[in-house]
Amino acid sequence: MIAFIFFRNYINQGIMAFLYAFIAGIMLQISVYELFPIIKQYKKKKHALISFFLGIIIILISHSFFF
């Protein structure tokens, strides 16, 4: 909030889009690095991997409806 107050005159739609994409990439990387080791612990690894990637696909599709 403090950064936005100081830089609000310089922030445009392109910068906000870049920031959102950057933050989304960080969140995706953190979730992958946290979830992949947990998936290795399951007995049915194939089902866990399919569910993981299916969840990512569903999130991407649902976000495409809003933009």
N, C-alpha and C. Protein backbone atom coordinates (compact mmCIF):
# COMPACT_ATOMS: atom_id res chain seq x y z
N MET A 1 0.82 -1.18 0.00
CA MET A 1 0.00 0.00 0.00
C MET A 1 0.87 1.25 0.00
N ILE A 2 1.92 1.23 0.77
CA ILE A 2 2.79 2.41 0.84
C ILE A 2 3.46 2.64 -0.51
N ALA A 3 3.91 1.56 -1.16
CA ALA A 3 4.55 1.70 -2.47
C ALA A 3 3.55 2.24 -3.48
N PHE A 4 2.31 1.79 -3.42
CA PHE A 4 1.29 2.28 -4.36
C PHE A 4 1.04 3.77 -4.15
N ILE A 5 1.02 4.21 -2.92
CA ILE A 5 0.79 5.64 -2.64
C ILE A 5 1.91 6.48 -3.25
N PHE A 6 3.15 6.02 -3.14
CA PHE A 6 4.26 6.80 -3.66
C PHE A 6 4.39 6.70 -5.18
N PHE A 7 4.04 5.55 -5.76
CA PHE A 7 4.26 5.33 -7.19
C PHE A 7 2.97 5.32 -8.01
N ARG A 8 1.87 5.77 -7.48
CA ARG A 8 0.59 5.68 -8.20
C ARG A 8 0.58 6.49 -9.49
N ASN A 9 1.38 7.53 -9.58
CA ASN A 9 1.43 8.32 -10.82
C ASN A 9 2.19 7.60 -11.93
N TYR A 10 3.02 6.63 -11.58
CA TYR A 10 3.85 5.93 -12.56
C TYR A 10 3.31 4.55 -12.91
N ILE A 11 2.32 4.07 -12.20
CA ILE A 11 1.79 2.72 -12.43
C ILE A 11 0.67 2.80 -13.45
N ASN A 12 0.82 2.01 -14.54
CA ASN A 12 -0.23 1.93 -15.55
C ASN A 12 -0.68 0.48 -15.70
N GLN A 13 -1.55 0.22 -16.67
CA GLN A 13 -2.09 -1.13 -16.84
C GLN A 13 -1.01 -2.14 -17.21
N GLY A 14 -0.04 -1.74 -18.01
CA GLY A 14 1.03 -2.65 -18.40
C GLY A 14 1.88 -3.08 -17.22
N ILE A 15 2.21 -2.15 -16.36
CA ILE A 15 3.00 -2.48 -15.17
C ILE A 15 2.21 -3.37 -14.23
N MET A 16 0.92 -3.09 -14.06
CA MET A 16 0.10 -3.94 -13.20
C MET A 16 -0.01 -5.35 -13.77
N ALA A 17 -0.15 -5.48 -15.09
CA ALA A 17 -0.22 -6.80 -15.71
C ALA A 17 1.08 -7.56 -15.48
N PHE A 18 2.21 -6.88 -15.62
CA PHE A 18 3.50 -7.52 -15.37
C PHE A 18 3.62 -7.97 -13.92
N LEU A 19 3.22 -7.12 -13.00
CA LEU A 19 3.30 -7.47 -11.58
C LEU A 19 2.43 -8.67 -11.24
N TYR A 20 1.20 -8.69 -11.79
CA TYR A 20 0.31 -9.84 -11.55
C TYR A 20 0.90 -11.12 -12.12
N ALA A 21 1.46 -11.06 -13.32
CA ALA A 21 2.07 -12.24 -13.93
C ALA A 21 3.28 -12.70 -13.13
N PHE A 22 4.08 -11.77 -12.66
CA PHE A 22 5.26 -12.11 -11.87
C PHE A 22 4.86 -12.78 -10.55
N ILE A 23 3.88 -12.22 -9.88
CA ILE A 23 3.41 -12.79 -8.61
C ILE A 23 2.78 -14.15 -8.83
N ALA A 24 2.02 -14.31 -9.91
CA ALA A 24 1.42 -15.61 -10.22
C ALA A 24 2.50 -16.65 -10.48
N GLY A 25 3.56 -16.27 -11.16
CA GLY A 25 4.67 -17.19 -11.40
C GLY A 25 5.35 -17.61 -10.11
N ILE A 26 5.53 -16.69 -9.21
CA ILE A 26 6.13 -17.01 -7.91
C ILE A 26 5.24 -17.98 -7.14
N MET A 27 3.94 -17.70 -7.12
CA MET A 27 3.01 -18.59 -6.40
C MET A 27 2.98 -19.98 -7.01
N LEU A 28 3.03 -20.06 -8.34
CA LEU A 28 3.03 -21.36 -9.01
C LEU A 28 4.30 -22.13 -8.68
N GLN A 29 5.43 -21.46 -8.70
CA GLN A 29 6.69 -22.13 -8.39
C GLN A 29 6.70 -22.64 -6.96
N ILE A 30 6.24 -21.85 -6.03
CA ILE A 30 6.20 -22.27 -4.63
C ILE A 30 5.27 -23.46 -4.46
N SER A 31 4.11 -23.42 -5.09
CA SER A 31 3.17 -24.53 -4.93
C SER A 31 3.72 -25.81 -5.55
N VAL A 32 4.40 -25.70 -6.69
CA VAL A 32 4.97 -26.90 -7.32
C VAL A 32 6.07 -27.49 -6.44
N TYR A 33 6.94 -26.65 -5.92
CA TYR A 33 8.03 -27.16 -5.08
C TYR A 33 7.53 -27.71 -3.76
N GLU A 34 6.38 -27.26 -3.30
CA GLU A 34 5.82 -27.80 -2.06
C GLU A 34 5.01 -29.07 -2.31
N LEU A 35 4.31 -29.13 -3.44
CA LEU A 35 3.40 -30.25 -3.67
C LEU A 35 4.08 -31.47 -4.29
N PHE A 36 5.09 -31.29 -5.13
CA PHE A 36 5.73 -32.45 -5.76
C PHE A 36 6.36 -33.41 -4.75
N PRO A 37 7.07 -32.95 -3.73
CA PRO A 37 7.59 -33.91 -2.74
C PRO A 37 6.48 -34.66 -2.00
N ILE A 38 5.36 -34.00 -1.79
CA ILE A 38 4.24 -34.66 -1.12
C ILE A 38 3.63 -35.72 -2.02
N ILE A 39 3.57 -35.44 -3.33
CA ILE A 39 3.01 -36.40 -4.28
C ILE A 39 3.84 -37.69 -4.28
N LYS A 40 5.14 -37.58 -4.11
CA LYS A 40 6.01 -38.76 -4.11
C LYS A 40 5.70 -39.69 -2.95
N GLN A 41 5.07 -39.20 -1.90
CA GLN A 41 4.78 -40.02 -0.73
C GLN A 41 3.53 -40.88 -0.91
N TYR A 42 2.66 -40.53 -1.87
CA TYR A 42 1.44 -41.29 -2.07
C TYR A 42 1.73 -42.62 -2.74
N LYS A 43 0.89 -43.61 -2.44
CA LYS A 43 1.05 -44.91 -3.07
C LYS A 43 0.64 -44.86 -4.54
N LYS A 44 -0.43 -44.12 -4.82
CA LYS A 44 -0.91 -44.01 -6.20
C LYS A 44 -0.40 -42.69 -6.79
N LYS A 45 0.84 -42.70 -7.21
CA LYS A 45 1.47 -41.48 -7.71
C LYS A 45 0.81 -40.99 -9.00
N LYS A 46 0.37 -41.95 -9.81
CA LYS A 46 -0.24 -41.58 -11.09
C LYS A 46 -1.51 -40.76 -10.86
N HIS A 47 -2.34 -41.20 -9.93
CA HIS A 47 -3.58 -40.47 -9.64
C HIS A 47 -3.28 -39.09 -9.05
N ALA A 48 -2.27 -39.01 -8.22
CA ALA A 48 -1.92 -37.73 -7.62
C ALA A 48 -1.40 -36.75 -8.67
N LEU A 49 -0.56 -37.22 -9.59
CA LEU A 49 -0.05 -36.35 -10.65
C LEU A 49 -1.16 -35.89 -11.59
N ILE A 50 -2.04 -36.81 -11.95
CA ILE A 50 -3.16 -36.45 -12.83
C ILE A 50 -4.04 -35.41 -12.14
N SER A 51 -4.31 -35.60 -10.88
CA SER A 51 -5.14 -34.63 -10.14
C SER A 51 -4.45 -33.28 -10.03
N PHE A 52 -3.15 -33.29 -9.82
CA PHE A 52 -2.39 -32.04 -9.71
C PHE A 52 -2.47 -31.25 -11.02
N PHE A 53 -2.18 -31.91 -12.14
CA PHE A 53 -2.20 -31.21 -13.42
C PHE A 53 -3.62 -30.86 -13.86
N LEU A 54 -4.58 -31.69 -13.53
CA LEU A 54 -5.97 -31.37 -13.82
C LEU A 54 -6.41 -30.13 -13.06
N GLY A 55 -5.97 -30.00 -11.82
CA GLY A 55 -6.28 -28.81 -11.03
C GLY A 55 -5.68 -27.55 -11.64
N ILE A 56 -4.44 -27.65 -12.13
CA ILE A 56 -3.81 -26.50 -12.79
C ILE A 56 -4.58 -26.12 -14.05
N ILE A 57 -4.99 -27.11 -14.84
CA ILE A 57 -5.74 -26.84 -16.07
C ILE A 57 -7.07 -26.18 -15.75
N ILE A 58 -7.76 -26.67 -14.73
CA ILE A 58 -9.05 -26.08 -14.35
C ILE A 58 -8.87 -24.62 -13.91
N ILE A 59 -7.83 -24.35 -13.15
CA ILE A 59 -7.57 -22.98 -12.72
C ILE A 59 -7.29 -22.08 -13.93
N LEU A 60 -6.47 -22.56 -14.87
CA LEU A 60 -6.17 -21.75 -16.06
C LEU A 60 -7.41 -21.48 -16.89
N ILE A 61 -8.27 -22.49 -17.05
CA ILE A 61 -9.50 -22.30 -17.82
C ILE A 61 -10.43 -21.34 -17.11
N SER A 62 -10.58 -21.49 -15.81
CA SER A 62 -11.49 -20.59 -15.09
C SER A 62 -10.99 -19.15 -15.10
N HIS A 63 -9.69 -18.95 -15.10
CA HIS A 63 -9.15 -17.59 -15.14
C HIS A 63 -9.29 -16.98 -16.53
N SER A 64 -9.32 -17.82 -17.57
CA SER A 64 -9.45 -17.28 -18.92
C SER A 64 -10.84 -16.69 -19.15
N PHE A 65 -11.84 -17.11 -18.37
CA PHE A 65 -13.18 -16.56 -18.52
C PHE A 65 -13.28 -15.15 -17.97
N PHE A 66 -12.39 -14.77 -17.08
CA PHE A 66 -12.46 -13.47 -16.44
C PHE A 66 -11.63 -12.41 -17.13
N PHE A 67 -10.78 -12.81 -18.10
CA PHE A 67 -9.92 -11.82 -18.76
C PHE A 67 -10.24 -11.71 -20.21
